[in-house]
Protein backbone atom coordinates (compact mmCIF):
# COMPACT_ATOMS: atom_id res chain seq x y z
CA MET A 1 72.94 92.84 108.72
CA ASN A 2 70.36 95.05 106.86
CA SER A 3 72.58 94.85 103.73
CA TYR A 4 73.09 91.94 101.18
CA VAL A 5 73.74 91.72 97.68
CA ARG A 6 71.57 89.78 95.02
CA VAL A 7 71.83 88.31 92.25
CA ARG A 8 68.15 87.88 90.04
CA ALA A 9 68.49 85.42 87.48
CA CYS A 10 66.25 83.33 84.28
CA PRO A 11 67.65 80.05 84.02
CA SER A 12 67.55 77.47 80.45
CA PRO A 13 66.05 75.53 80.70
CA SER A 14 63.61 76.98 83.58
CA ASN A 15 63.35 73.50 85.94
CA PHE A 16 66.87 73.14 86.09
CA PHE A 17 67.33 73.40 90.11
CA ASP A 18 63.60 72.23 90.66
CA GLU A 19 65.45 69.01 92.48
CA LEU A 20 68.24 70.97 93.62
CA ILE A 21 66.75 73.89 95.79
CA PRO A 22 63.60 72.86 97.86
CA ALA A 23 60.15 74.74 97.66
CA ASP A 24 61.05 77.17 100.74
CA GLY A 25 64.77 77.67 99.24
CA LEU A 26 68.21 76.67 100.75
CA GLU A 27 70.76 78.30 102.51
CA VAL A 28 74.22 77.21 101.13
CA CYS A 29 77.86 79.16 101.56
CA GLY A 30 76.40 82.02 102.46
CA TRP A 31 73.26 82.18 100.35
CA ARG A 32 70.17 81.77 99.83
CA LEU A 33 69.04 80.10 97.72
CA SER A 34 65.50 80.47 96.52
CA MET A 35 62.74 79.99 92.78
CA ARG A 36 59.87 82.55 92.48
CA THR A 37 57.60 82.01 89.91
CA ILE A 38 56.77 85.27 87.86
CA PRO A 39 54.11 86.69 85.40
CA ALA A 40 55.10 88.24 82.64
CA PRO A 41 53.52 89.98 79.29
CA VAL A 42 54.18 88.86 76.26
CA TRP A 43 53.10 90.22 73.44
CA SER A 44 51.91 89.01 69.60
CA GLY A 45 51.87 90.96 66.26
CA ALA A 46 48.04 91.40 65.87
CA GLY A 47 48.83 94.19 69.04
CA ASN A 48 47.50 91.93 72.06
CA HIS A 49 48.81 90.20 74.30
CA THR A 50 49.34 87.47 76.81
CA VAL A 51 50.97 86.47 80.69
CA VAL A 52 52.97 84.13 81.27
CA ASP A 53 54.74 82.80 84.40
CA THR A 54 58.22 82.53 84.19
CA ARG A 55 61.45 81.13 86.55
CA TRP A 56 63.69 83.00 88.54
CA LEU A 57 66.63 82.38 90.71
CA TYR A 58 66.64 84.11 93.45
CA ALA A 59 69.89 84.31 95.52
CA GLU A 60 70.96 86.56 98.47
CA SER A 61 73.72 87.02 100.73
CA ASP A 62 74.67 89.58 103.55
CA TYR A 63 77.58 92.80 102.45
CA GLU A 64 78.46 95.88 103.28
CA GLU A 65 78.58 98.32 101.12
CA THR A 66 81.83 99.14 101.57
CA GLN A 67 83.01 95.54 100.01
CA LEU A 68 80.82 95.94 96.96
CA ALA A 69 84.70 97.02 94.87
CA HIS A 70 85.26 93.83 95.49
CA PHE A 71 82.05 92.24 94.70
CA ALA A 72 82.78 91.06 91.76
CA ARG A 73 86.01 89.61 92.09
CA ASP A 74 84.98 87.86 94.95
CA GLY A 75 81.10 87.55 95.76
CA LEU A 76 80.17 86.24 92.12
CA ALA A 77 83.40 84.72 91.87
CA ALA A 78 81.56 82.78 93.78
CA PHE A 79 78.57 82.93 93.22
CA HIS A 80 79.02 81.52 90.36
CA GLN A 81 81.39 78.59 92.06
CA LEU A 82 77.71 77.69 93.77
CA ILE A 83 76.10 77.19 90.47
CA LYS A 84 78.83 75.46 88.99
CA VAL A 85 78.57 73.00 92.16
CA LEU A 86 75.47 72.51 92.20
CA GLU A 87 75.34 72.05 88.31
CA GLY A 88 77.48 69.18 89.09
CA VAL A 89 75.87 67.42 91.91
CA ARG A 90 73.14 66.91 88.92
CA LEU A 91 75.35 65.44 86.32
CA MET A 92 75.03 63.22 88.69
CA HIS A 93 72.01 61.84 87.21
CA LEU A 94 70.95 64.53 84.58
CA SER A 95 72.61 65.73 81.76
CA GLY A 96 72.49 68.95 80.21
CA SER A 97 73.44 72.98 82.10
CA VAL A 98 72.26 75.93 82.66
CA THR A 99 72.90 79.52 81.06
CA PHE A 100 71.00 82.63 82.03
CA SER A 101 68.77 84.61 79.85
CA MET A 102 69.01 87.56 82.09
CA PHE A 103 70.87 87.92 85.15
CA PHE A 104 70.97 91.43 87.09
CA THR A 105 73.34 92.28 90.73
CA GLU A 106 71.74 94.61 92.96
CA PHE A 107 72.46 95.95 96.16
CA VAL A 108 69.92 95.98 99.07
CA LYS A 109 69.85 97.92 101.98
CA ASP A 110 67.40 99.32 104.16
CA ARG A 111 65.35 97.40 102.33
CA VAL A 112 65.97 99.94 98.26
CA SER A 113 67.84 98.70 96.33
CA ARG A 114 70.49 99.35 93.16
CA ASN A 115 71.58 97.76 90.03
CA ILE A 116 75.45 97.04 91.52
CA GLU A 117 76.24 96.01 87.63
CA PRO A 118 74.37 93.65 84.80
CA TYR A 119 76.01 90.50 84.77
CA GLN A 120 76.06 87.26 82.21
CA ILE A 121 77.21 83.85 83.39
CA ASN A 122 77.59 81.48 80.34
CA ALA A 123 78.33 78.23 82.84
CA GLY A 124 77.14 76.01 79.59
CA ILE A 125 75.06 74.40 76.81
CA ASP A 126 71.57 74.60 77.43
CA LYS A 127 70.56 71.61 76.75
CA LEU A 128 68.51 68.91 79.03
CA SER A 129 69.03 64.82 78.13
CA VAL A 130 68.37 61.99 79.78
CA ARG A 131 69.93 58.82 79.96
CA ILE A 132 70.70 55.70 81.52
CA THR A 133 74.02 53.89 81.21
CA ASP A 134 74.75 50.09 82.29
CA GLY A 135 77.51 49.22 84.90
CA ASN A 136 79.90 49.06 82.17
CA GLY A 137 79.01 52.65 80.71
CA LYS A 138 76.10 50.94 77.94
CA VAL A 139 73.41 53.15 76.87
CA VAL A 140 70.28 51.22 77.59
CA PHE A 141 68.26 53.98 77.32
CA ASP A 142 67.65 57.22 75.83
CA ALA A 143 64.61 59.47 75.23
CA ALA A 144 64.86 60.14 71.95
CA GLU A 145 64.07 56.47 70.70
CA HIS A 146 61.47 56.01 73.13
CA GLU A 147 57.56 57.09 73.29
CA ALA A 148 57.24 60.22 75.19
CA GLN A 149 55.95 57.91 77.99
CA GLN A 150 58.73 55.83 78.51
CA ALA A 151 61.36 59.30 77.93
CA ARG A 152 58.52 60.57 80.92
CA GLN A 153 59.10 57.87 83.47
CA ALA A 154 62.34 57.54 83.02
CA LEU A 155 62.89 61.79 83.87
CA GLN A 156 60.64 61.06 86.35
CA ASN A 157 63.24 58.45 88.32
CA ALA A 158 65.91 60.33 88.21
CA GLN A 159 64.40 63.40 89.09
CA GLU A 160 63.48 61.68 92.57
CA ASN A 161 66.89 59.98 92.31
CA LEU A 162 68.37 63.36 91.90
CA ARG A 163 66.31 65.16 94.10
CA ALA A 164 67.40 62.60 97.02
CA ASP A 165 70.39 63.03 96.14
CA GLY A 166 70.65 66.63 96.49
CA ALA A 167 68.84 66.41 100.24
CA ARG A 168 71.95 64.57 101.18
CA LEU A 169 74.68 66.25 99.14
CA VAL A 170 73.73 69.84 99.94
CA LYS A 171 73.98 70.65 102.64
CA HIS A 172 77.26 69.76 102.92
CA LEU A 173 78.68 72.29 100.70
CA ASP A 174 80.28 74.60 103.01
CA ASP A 175 82.69 71.96 103.53
CA GLU A 176 85.36 73.71 101.32
CA TYR A 177 86.76 71.01 99.88
CA PHE A 178 83.72 68.91 99.25
CA ARG A 179 82.29 71.90 97.66
CA ARG A 180 85.77 71.79 95.08
CA ALA A 181 85.96 68.10 94.27
CA TRP A 182 81.77 68.80 92.86
CA GLU A 183 82.79 71.67 90.87
CA SER A 184 85.92 69.84 89.31
CA PHE A 185 83.29 67.29 88.81
CA GLY A 186 80.75 68.86 86.72
CA LEU A 187 83.59 70.57 84.86
CA ALA A 188 85.35 67.28 84.05
CA LEU A 189 82.25 66.52 81.92
CA GLY A 190 82.67 69.46 79.68
CA GLU A 191 82.90 68.52 76.24
CA ASP A 192 87.00 69.37 75.64
CA GLU A 193 89.09 65.72 75.80
CA HIS A 194 91.64 67.70 78.47
CA ALA A 195 89.05 68.93 80.73
CA ILE A 196 88.13 64.78 82.42
CA GLY A 197 91.72 65.99 83.99
CA HIS A 198 89.55 67.47 86.58
CA LEU A 199 88.38 64.23 87.78
CA TYR A 200 91.78 64.20 89.31
CA ASP A 201 91.31 67.01 91.47
CA VAL A 202 88.40 64.76 93.71
CA ARG A 203 90.71 62.66 94.96
CA ASP A 204 93.36 65.80 95.29
CA ALA A 205 90.55 67.06 97.58
CA ILE A 206 90.30 63.81 99.96
CA VAL A 207 93.79 63.65 99.81
CA LYS A 208 94.02 66.81 101.74
CA LYS A 209 90.33 67.00 104.34
CA LEU A 210 91.75 63.81 105.43
CA GLY A 211 95.18 64.18 105.86
CA GLY A 212 96.64 61.87 103.24
CA GLU A 213 95.80 59.13 100.77
CA VAL A 214 95.38 56.15 103.59
CA HIS A 215 93.26 58.26 105.86
CA ALA A 216 91.25 58.84 102.96
CA ARG A 217 90.80 55.51 101.46
CA THR A 218 90.20 54.28 105.04
CA LYS A 219 87.78 56.99 106.29
CA LEU A 220 86.21 56.59 102.76
CA ASN A 221 86.17 53.00 102.54
CA LEU A 222 87.77 53.33 99.09
CA ARG A 223 89.34 50.07 97.44
CA ARG A 224 93.31 50.66 97.02
CA ALA A 225 93.15 48.93 93.54
CA GLU A 226 90.24 50.68 92.33
CA TRP A 227 92.58 53.61 93.75
CA ASP A 228 95.50 52.43 92.01
CA ASP A 229 93.49 52.33 88.64
CA PHE A 230 92.43 56.05 88.86
CA GLY A 231 95.74 57.62 89.56
CA SER A 232 97.05 54.83 87.01
CA ILE A 233 95.65 55.88 84.25
CA PHE A 234 96.41 59.16 84.68
CA ASN A 235 99.92 59.36 85.60
CA SER A 236 100.85 56.71 83.64
CA ASP A 237 100.18 57.35 80.03
CA SER A 238 99.98 60.06 77.75
CA VAL A 239 96.18 60.56 77.61
CA LYS A 240 94.72 63.83 77.18
CA GLY A 241 93.22 65.65 80.03
CA GLY A 242 96.65 63.58 82.08
CA ARG A 243 98.67 64.64 84.67
CA HIS A 244 102.01 64.07 83.98
CA ASN A 245 102.35 64.00 80.66
CA GLY A 246 105.61 65.92 80.34
CA ARG A 247 107.16 62.79 81.02
CA HIS A 248 105.72 60.74 77.84
CA PRO A 249 107.20 61.96 74.33
CA THR A 250 104.99 60.06 72.71
CA PRO A 251 101.54 61.49 71.10
CA MET A 252 99.04 61.83 73.32
CA ARG A 253 95.88 60.14 72.99
CA ALA A 254 91.75 60.42 73.62
CA MET A 255 90.87 58.12 76.79
CA THR A 256 89.28 54.95 75.70
CA HIS A 257 85.97 54.99 76.06
CA GLY A 258 86.59 52.23 78.82
CA GLN A 259 89.18 54.52 80.78
CA ARG A 260 86.84 57.39 80.47
CA GLN A 261 84.12 54.98 81.82
CA LYS A 262 86.32 53.85 85.03
CA VAL A 263 88.09 57.81 85.97
CA ILE A 264 84.07 58.16 85.39
CA ARG A 265 82.89 55.87 88.23
CA PHE A 266 85.37 56.46 90.55
CA ALA A 267 84.86 59.82 91.16
CA ARG A 268 80.97 59.34 91.70
CA THR A 269 82.19 56.85 94.30
CA MET A 270 84.54 58.77 95.66
CA LEU A 271 82.10 61.59 96.32
CA LEU A 272 79.23 60.35 97.54
CA ALA A 273 82.03 58.05 100.27
CA TYR A 274 82.66 61.86 100.81
CA GLY A 275 79.07 62.88 101.00
CA ASP A 276 78.92 59.36 103.54
CA TYR A 277 81.71 60.72 105.75
CA LEU A 278 80.47 64.00 106.25
CA GLU A 279 76.85 63.21 107.05
CA ASP A 280 77.98 60.89 109.65
CA GLY A 281 80.04 62.98 111.50
CA ASP A 282 77.10 65.51 111.78
CA THR A 283 74.88 61.96 113.06
CA ALA A 284 77.72 61.70 115.72
CA ALA A 285 77.82 66.08 116.56
CA MET A 286 73.96 65.26 117.26
CA GLN A 287 73.90 62.10 119.27
CA VAL A 288 76.83 63.66 121.15
CA ASP A 289 74.62 67.23 121.65
CA VAL A 290 72.14 65.12 122.61
C-alpha cells in the first residue's frame, strides 16, 4: 500500500522503549515501530546554541485515505492500546510509565505527508525507578538507598531480563486476548486502589481464549489452588477492586499487602504461561511446515 498513517512521538523517559523495540524495528498488531535519534538545536540565554540528540518513536500503519475520518476512533485507539500493552510488558521488570512531550499524527500518500491533527496521549507518570522484591513482595533493593554503581547494576539486570522477555512475548501481541491481558496488567498497577481489579481481566482473557477454566488451567499448567485463591480474593469479600462487592454490604477495604502481592504474582504466572503456550504453538507449526 502506498498510503499510511504515521505517529511521531517524543517519549519521556527517552529510553522507555529501548528494551522492547529492537534497533531494526518491530512490526506488531499492524504497526511498524522504530526508534529514531533526531538532533535538535537548543538556544542559551546568551544567544548561543548547541545541538542535542532527542529520541522519537515512529509508528506507521497502512491506511486508506477514505478511512481517515475514523482514525481517531479506530486507528489511534489501537495505537494507544499498543502503548499500554508495551507498558504492561515493561512493568514485569521496570516500574514507571511513559508520557509524550510532543505527539503528531500524519497521513502519508505517495511520499507526501500532511498532518491529521495534533494529539497528546497521557499514558502515565514520567517516572523511572528500579526495585527488586523477594517472593513475598518485600523490597530487598531500592536504588535510591544504594550507591550509584549498585543502582546501575540493578538497572542493567532488569533491562537484560526485560529485553529477553520482550523478544519472547511482544511478537505474540497479534493474539487479541494476549494483547488485552497485557493491557489489563498494566492498568492494574495504576495508583487508584480499585485499579487492581483489572488483574481479573487477565484470567478472563485466558479463559475465553482457551475455552473455559478447566482447559485454561490444563493447557497452561496452572495449579488449581493458586487459581482458586486468586478468584477468592476478588470474589469472596468486599475489597477495593473486587468483582462482586454488591453482594457484600460491609464497607470496602483495601487488599492487604499479602493479597495484593499474591494476585499480582499469579497474574504474572498466567501471562508468562500464556506466552509459553503461544510460543510452543509457533514452534509446533514450524516443525509441521518443515
